[in-house]
Amino acid sequence: MSRFIGVAIKSTIYVSLIMGTGYLFLNYTVPNSSDMEQTLRESGRVNSRTLDEAKRRQQLIYETIMANANSDRPVWEVQFPKEFTEELSRSKNSSA
């Protein structure tokens, strides 16, 4: 019985060390959103216009999902605004 307790304690310590190491690596290697935005702005990949456009699209998607969640329609009949579907089809065509 005491051997089992010793193995359980050692296992708990090892697992805690492994998880703690992973958490530390995560905190030190993955940038947060403000660091990532700053890096993209400095490299010239993102400007205020593209960020505002992305935020507008996210807000539009959120509002559409919330409106459809409150309706009685099934999820596969989600109706996005026409401007969004046209913009999405244009972006698919330009990337293809």
N, C-alpha and C. Protein backbone atom coordinates (compact mmCIF):
# COMPACT_ATOMS: atom_id res chain seq x y z
N MET A 1 0.82 -1.20 0.00
CA MET A 1 0.00 0.00 0.00
C MET A 1 0.86 1.26 0.00
N SER A 2 1.92 1.28 0.80
CA SER A 2 2.76 2.47 0.85
C SER A 2 3.52 2.66 -0.46
N ARG A 3 3.81 1.55 -1.16
CA ARG A 3 4.47 1.65 -2.47
C ARG A 3 3.55 2.35 -3.47
N PHE A 4 2.27 2.01 -3.42
CA PHE A 4 1.29 2.64 -4.31
C PHE A 4 1.21 4.14 -4.04
N ILE A 5 1.21 4.53 -2.79
CA ILE A 5 1.13 5.95 -2.44
C ILE A 5 2.38 6.67 -2.93
N GLY A 6 3.55 6.05 -2.80
CA GLY A 6 4.78 6.66 -3.28
C GLY A 6 4.77 6.86 -4.78
N VAL A 7 4.28 5.85 -5.51
CA VAL A 7 4.18 5.97 -6.97
C VAL A 7 3.17 7.05 -7.35
N ALA A 8 2.07 7.12 -6.65
CA ALA A 8 1.05 8.14 -6.93
C ALA A 8 1.60 9.55 -6.69
N ILE A 9 2.36 9.72 -5.62
CA ILE A 9 2.92 11.03 -5.33
C ILE A 9 3.96 11.42 -6.37
N LYS A 10 4.84 10.47 -6.73
CA LYS A 10 5.85 10.76 -7.76
C LYS A 10 5.19 11.08 -9.09
N SER A 11 4.17 10.32 -9.45
CA SER A 11 3.47 10.57 -10.71
C SER A 11 2.84 11.95 -10.72
N THR A 12 2.24 12.33 -9.61
CA THR A 12 1.61 13.65 -9.51
C THR A 12 2.66 14.75 -9.65
N ILE A 13 3.80 14.56 -9.04
CA ILE A 13 4.87 15.56 -9.14
C ILE A 13 5.38 15.66 -10.58
N TYR A 14 5.62 14.52 -11.23
CA TYR A 14 6.10 14.53 -12.61
C TYR A 14 5.10 15.17 -13.56
N VAL A 15 3.83 14.82 -13.42
CA VAL A 15 2.80 15.40 -14.28
C VAL A 15 2.71 16.91 -14.05
N SER A 16 2.79 17.33 -12.80
CA SER A 16 2.74 18.77 -12.49
C SER A 16 3.92 19.50 -13.11
N LEU A 17 5.11 18.91 -13.05
CA LEU A 17 6.29 19.54 -13.65
C LEU A 17 6.15 19.64 -15.17
N ILE A 18 5.67 18.59 -15.79
CA ILE A 18 5.49 18.60 -17.25
C ILE A 18 4.46 19.65 -17.65
N MET A 19 3.33 19.68 -16.95
CA MET A 19 2.30 20.67 -17.29
C MET A 19 2.77 22.09 -17.01
N GLY A 20 3.49 22.29 -15.92
CA GLY A 20 4.02 23.62 -15.59
C GLY A 20 5.01 24.09 -16.63
N THR A 21 5.86 23.17 -17.11
CA THR A 21 6.82 23.52 -18.16
C THR A 21 6.09 23.93 -19.43
N GLY A 22 5.05 23.17 -19.79
CA GLY A 22 4.27 23.52 -20.98
C GLY A 22 3.61 24.88 -20.84
N TYR A 23 3.08 25.16 -19.66
CA TYR A 23 2.44 26.45 -19.43
C TYR A 23 3.45 27.59 -19.53
N LEU A 24 4.63 27.41 -18.98
CA LEU A 24 5.67 28.44 -19.08
C LEU A 24 6.09 28.67 -20.54
N PHE A 25 6.27 27.58 -21.28
CA PHE A 25 6.60 27.72 -22.71
C PHE A 25 5.50 28.47 -23.45
N LEU A 26 4.26 28.17 -23.13
CA LEU A 26 3.14 28.85 -23.77
C LEU A 26 3.20 30.35 -23.49
N ASN A 27 3.41 30.72 -22.25
CA ASN A 27 3.43 32.15 -21.89
C ASN A 27 4.60 32.90 -22.52
N TYR A 28 5.74 32.25 -22.67
CA TYR A 28 6.91 32.94 -23.18
C TYR A 28 7.04 32.90 -24.69
N THR A 29 6.37 31.98 -25.37
CA THR A 29 6.55 31.86 -26.81
C THR A 29 5.38 32.36 -27.63
N VAL A 30 4.17 32.33 -27.12
CA VAL A 30 2.99 32.74 -27.89
C VAL A 30 2.69 34.21 -27.59
N PRO A 31 2.66 35.05 -28.62
CA PRO A 31 2.38 36.47 -28.38
C PRO A 31 0.90 36.69 -28.08
N ASN A 32 0.61 37.70 -27.28
CA ASN A 32 -0.79 38.04 -27.05
C ASN A 32 -1.28 38.88 -28.22
N SER A 33 -2.55 39.19 -28.25
CA SER A 33 -3.13 39.85 -29.42
C SER A 33 -2.54 41.25 -29.65
N SER A 34 -2.26 41.99 -28.59
CA SER A 34 -1.72 43.33 -28.79
C SER A 34 -0.28 43.28 -29.33
N ASP A 35 0.51 42.31 -28.86
CA ASP A 35 1.87 42.15 -29.40
C ASP A 35 1.82 41.75 -30.88
N MET A 36 0.91 40.85 -31.21
CA MET A 36 0.78 40.40 -32.59
C MET A 36 0.33 41.54 -33.50
N GLU A 37 -0.63 42.33 -33.03
CA GLU A 37 -1.11 43.47 -33.82
C GLU A 37 0.01 44.48 -34.04
N GLN A 38 0.80 44.75 -33.00
CA GLN A 38 1.91 45.69 -33.12
C GLN A 38 2.94 45.19 -34.11
N THR A 39 3.27 43.89 -34.06
CA THR A 39 4.24 43.31 -34.98
C THR A 39 3.74 43.40 -36.42
N LEU A 40 2.46 43.11 -36.62
CA LEU A 40 1.91 43.18 -37.98
C LEU A 40 1.88 44.62 -38.50
N ARG A 41 1.59 45.57 -37.62
CA ARG A 41 1.59 46.98 -38.04
C ARG A 41 3.00 47.42 -38.44
N GLU A 42 4.00 47.01 -37.66
CA GLU A 42 5.38 47.40 -37.95
C GLU A 42 5.88 46.78 -39.25
N SER A 43 5.43 45.58 -39.55
CA SER A 43 5.88 44.92 -40.78
C SER A 43 5.12 45.42 -42.00
N GLY A 44 4.05 46.19 -41.80
CA GLY A 44 3.28 46.73 -42.92
C GLY A 44 2.23 45.78 -43.46
N ARG A 45 1.99 44.69 -42.78
CA ARG A 45 1.00 43.72 -43.26
C ARG A 45 -0.42 44.12 -42.89
N VAL A 46 -0.56 44.92 -41.84
CA VAL A 46 -1.88 45.31 -41.37
C VAL A 46 -1.87 46.81 -41.14
N ASN A 47 -2.95 47.44 -41.56
CA ASN A 47 -3.11 48.86 -41.26
C ASN A 47 -4.46 49.08 -40.60
N SER A 48 -4.77 50.28 -40.24
CA SER A 48 -6.01 50.58 -39.52
C SER A 48 -7.23 50.19 -40.33
N ARG A 49 -7.16 50.40 -41.64
CA ARG A 49 -8.31 50.09 -42.48
C ARG A 49 -8.62 48.60 -42.49
N THR A 50 -7.60 47.76 -42.62
CA THR A 50 -7.85 46.32 -42.65
C THR A 50 -8.30 45.81 -41.28
N LEU A 51 -7.77 46.39 -40.20
CA LEU A 51 -8.23 46.00 -38.87
C LEU A 51 -9.68 46.40 -38.64
N ASP A 52 -10.04 47.60 -39.05
CA ASP A 52 -11.42 48.05 -38.91
C ASP A 52 -12.36 47.18 -39.74
N GLU A 53 -11.92 46.81 -40.94
CA GLU A 53 -12.73 45.95 -41.80
C GLU A 53 -12.91 44.57 -41.17
N ALA A 54 -11.87 44.03 -40.60
CA ALA A 54 -11.95 42.71 -39.95
C ALA A 54 -12.88 42.77 -38.74
N LYS A 55 -12.80 43.84 -37.96
CA LYS A 55 -13.68 43.98 -36.81
C LYS A 55 -15.13 44.14 -37.24
N ARG A 56 -15.34 44.87 -38.35
CA ARG A 56 -16.70 45.03 -38.86
C ARG A 56 -17.27 43.69 -39.30
N ARG A 57 -16.44 42.89 -40.00
CA ARG A 57 -16.89 41.57 -40.43
C ARG A 57 -17.20 40.66 -39.25
N GLN A 58 -16.34 40.69 -38.23
CA GLN A 58 -16.58 39.87 -37.05
C GLN A 58 -17.88 40.27 -36.36
N GLN A 59 -18.13 41.57 -36.28
CA GLN A 59 -19.37 42.05 -35.67
C GLN A 59 -20.58 41.63 -36.48
N LEU A 60 -20.48 41.68 -37.80
CA LEU A 60 -21.57 41.26 -38.67
C LEU A 60 -21.85 39.77 -38.51
N ILE A 61 -20.81 38.97 -38.44
CA ILE A 61 -20.99 37.53 -38.24
C ILE A 61 -21.64 37.26 -36.89
N TYR A 62 -21.17 37.93 -35.86
CA TYR A 62 -21.73 37.76 -34.52
C TYR A 62 -23.22 38.12 -34.50
N GLU A 63 -23.56 39.27 -35.06
CA GLU A 63 -24.97 39.68 -35.07
C GLU A 63 -25.83 38.70 -35.84
N THR A 64 -25.32 38.19 -36.96
CA THR A 64 -26.08 37.22 -37.76
C THR A 64 -26.29 35.93 -36.99
N ILE A 65 -25.26 35.45 -36.34
CA ILE A 65 -25.37 34.21 -35.57
C ILE A 65 -26.36 34.39 -34.42
N MET A 66 -26.29 35.52 -33.74
CA MET A 66 -27.22 35.76 -32.63
C MET A 66 -28.66 35.87 -33.12
N ALA A 67 -28.86 36.52 -34.27
CA ALA A 67 -30.22 36.63 -34.81
C ALA A 67 -30.75 35.26 -35.21
N ASN A 68 -29.90 34.42 -35.79
CA ASN A 68 -30.33 33.08 -36.18
C ASN A 68 -30.50 32.17 -34.97
N ALA A 69 -29.74 32.40 -33.91
CA ALA A 69 -29.89 31.59 -32.69
C ALA A 69 -31.24 31.85 -32.03
N ASN A 70 -31.75 33.05 -32.17
CA ASN A 70 -33.03 33.40 -31.56
C ASN A 70 -34.22 33.02 -32.43
N SER A 71 -33.98 32.51 -33.64
CA SER A 71 -35.08 32.13 -34.52
C SER A 71 -35.36 30.63 -34.38
N ASP A 72 -36.42 30.18 -35.05
CA ASP A 72 -36.79 28.77 -35.02
C ASP A 72 -36.21 27.99 -36.18
N ARG A 73 -35.42 28.64 -37.02
CA ARG A 73 -34.85 27.95 -38.19
C ARG A 73 -33.72 27.02 -37.77
N PRO A 74 -33.51 25.94 -38.53
CA PRO A 74 -32.37 25.06 -38.24
C PRO A 74 -31.06 25.76 -38.58
N VAL A 75 -29.97 25.24 -38.04
CA VAL A 75 -28.67 25.90 -38.16
C VAL A 75 -28.18 25.92 -39.60
N TRP A 76 -28.55 24.95 -40.42
CA TRP A 76 -28.06 24.92 -41.80
C TRP A 76 -28.78 25.92 -42.69
N GLU A 77 -29.76 26.61 -42.16
CA GLU A 77 -30.44 27.65 -42.93
C GLU A 77 -30.05 29.05 -42.45
N VAL A 78 -28.85 29.21 -42.00
CA VAL A 78 -28.37 30.51 -41.54
C VAL A 78 -28.35 31.47 -42.72
N GLN A 79 -28.93 32.63 -42.52
CA GLN A 79 -29.02 33.63 -43.57
C GLN A 79 -28.08 34.79 -43.25
N PHE A 80 -26.98 34.87 -43.99
CA PHE A 80 -26.07 36.00 -43.84
C PHE A 80 -26.52 37.13 -44.75
N PRO A 81 -26.22 38.36 -44.41
CA PRO A 81 -26.57 39.48 -45.28
C PRO A 81 -25.93 39.33 -46.65
N LYS A 82 -26.60 39.87 -47.66
CA LYS A 82 -26.14 39.72 -49.04
C LYS A 82 -24.75 40.31 -49.25
N GLU A 83 -24.48 41.46 -48.64
CA GLU A 83 -23.16 42.09 -48.81
C GLU A 83 -22.04 41.21 -48.29
N PHE A 84 -22.31 40.47 -47.22
CA PHE A 84 -21.28 39.60 -46.66
C PHE A 84 -21.04 38.39 -47.56
N THR A 85 -22.09 37.79 -48.09
CA THR A 85 -21.91 36.62 -48.96
C THR A 85 -21.22 37.02 -50.26
N GLU A 86 -21.53 38.20 -50.78
CA GLU A 86 -20.84 38.67 -51.99
C GLU A 86 -19.36 38.91 -51.71
N GLU A 87 -19.07 39.52 -50.59
CA GLU A 87 -17.68 39.79 -50.21
C GLU A 87 -16.92 38.48 -49.99
N LEU A 88 -17.58 37.50 -49.39
CA LEU A 88 -16.95 36.21 -49.16
C LEU A 88 -16.68 35.48 -50.46
N SER A 89 -17.60 35.55 -51.40
CA SER A 89 -17.37 34.88 -52.69
C SER A 89 -16.26 35.59 -53.47
N ARG A 90 -16.16 36.92 -53.36
CA ARG A 90 -15.08 37.64 -54.01
C ARG A 90 -13.73 37.26 -53.43
N SER A 91 -13.65 37.14 -52.12
CA SER A 91 -12.37 36.79 -51.49
C SER A 91 -11.98 35.35 -51.83
N LYS A 92 -12.95 34.44 -51.96
CA LYS A 92 -12.64 33.06 -52.37
C LYS A 92 -12.13 33.02 -53.80
N ASN A 93 -12.74 33.80 -54.67
CA ASN A 93 -12.33 33.82 -56.07
C ASN A 93 -10.95 34.42 -56.25
N SER A 94 -10.63 35.44 -55.45
CA SER A 94 -9.33 36.08 -55.60
C SER A 94 -8.21 35.22 -55.03
N SER A 95 -8.50 34.39 -54.03
CA SER A 95 -7.46 33.54 -53.45
C SER A 95 -7.28 32.25 -54.23
N ALA A 96 -8.23 31.89 -55.05
CA ALA A 96 -8.13 30.62 -55.79
C ALA A 96 -7.28 30.75 -57.03
